[in-house]
Each structure stands twice: as structure tokens, then as C-alpha cells.
Amino acid sequence: MLNAVLLFHINGYTIRFSETFLITTQHYFTIEVIKYRIFNKLFE
């Protein structure tokens, strides 16, 4: 799950369609990381 998000983030950063796309990608990545951390804490 996290690997797919990382690949999406890297691809978005490399392609650089526009600043808006980059910002959206980074926000998506940040949200996924936060959800991933919360999920891990719940099931530790």
C-alpha cells in the first residue's frame, strides 16, 4: 500500500505536469502517511 503511494509520489514529482499537480500529489502522500501511522498505532 505504502509502496504504491511512494511510486505515485515519485512519478508525480518526476513528470511535473504542473505545480498544482505536484501540490496535490504531496498532499495525497502526506495524508496516506498519516493514515498509515495511525493504522500501525491502532494495531501495535
Protein backbone atom coordinates (compact mmCIF):
# COMPACT_ATOMS: atom_id res chain seq x y z
CA MET A 1 0.00 0.00 0.00
CA LEU A 2 2.65 2.49 1.08
CA ASN A 3 4.94 1.43 -1.78
CA ALA A 4 2.24 2.28 -4.31
CA VAL A 5 1.83 5.71 -2.71
CA LEU A 6 5.59 6.29 -2.82
CA LEU A 7 5.72 5.34 -6.51
CA PHE A 8 2.80 7.66 -7.24
CA HIS A 9 4.57 10.46 -5.39
CA ILE A 10 7.88 9.89 -7.20
CA ASN A 11 6.14 9.68 -10.60
CA GLY A 12 4.20 12.88 -9.95
CA TYR A 13 7.36 14.65 -8.89
CA THR A 14 9.36 13.43 -11.88
CA ILE A 15 6.69 14.17 -14.51
CA ARG A 16 5.96 17.71 -13.22
CA PHE A 17 2.81 18.38 -15.24
CA SER A 18 2.18 21.49 -13.18
CA GLU A 19 2.68 22.96 -9.72
CA THR A 20 -0.95 22.19 -8.88
CA PHE A 21 -0.44 18.53 -9.72
CA LEU A 22 2.71 18.44 -7.59
CA ILE A 23 0.99 20.05 -4.62
CA THR A 24 -1.97 17.65 -4.92
CA THR A 25 0.40 14.68 -5.08
CA GLN A 26 2.29 15.83 -1.99
CA HIS A 27 -0.93 16.38 -0.02
CA TYR A 28 -2.16 12.92 -1.02
CA PHE A 29 1.17 11.41 0.01
CA THR A 30 1.11 13.19 3.38
CA ILE A 31 -2.46 12.04 4.11
CA GLU A 32 -1.56 8.43 3.25
CA VAL A 33 1.49 8.51 5.54
CA ILE A 34 -0.63 9.88 8.41
CA LYS A 35 -3.28 7.18 7.86
CA TYR A 36 -0.54 4.54 7.72
CA ARG A 37 0.94 5.71 11.04
CA ILE A 38 -2.46 5.83 12.74
CA PHE A 39 -3.25 2.33 11.45
CA ASN A 40 0.05 0.99 12.83
CA LYS A 41 -0.56 2.57 16.26
CA LEU A 42 -4.04 1.04 16.45
CA PHE A 43 -2.71 -2.45 15.72
CA GLU A 44 0.59 -2.44 17.61
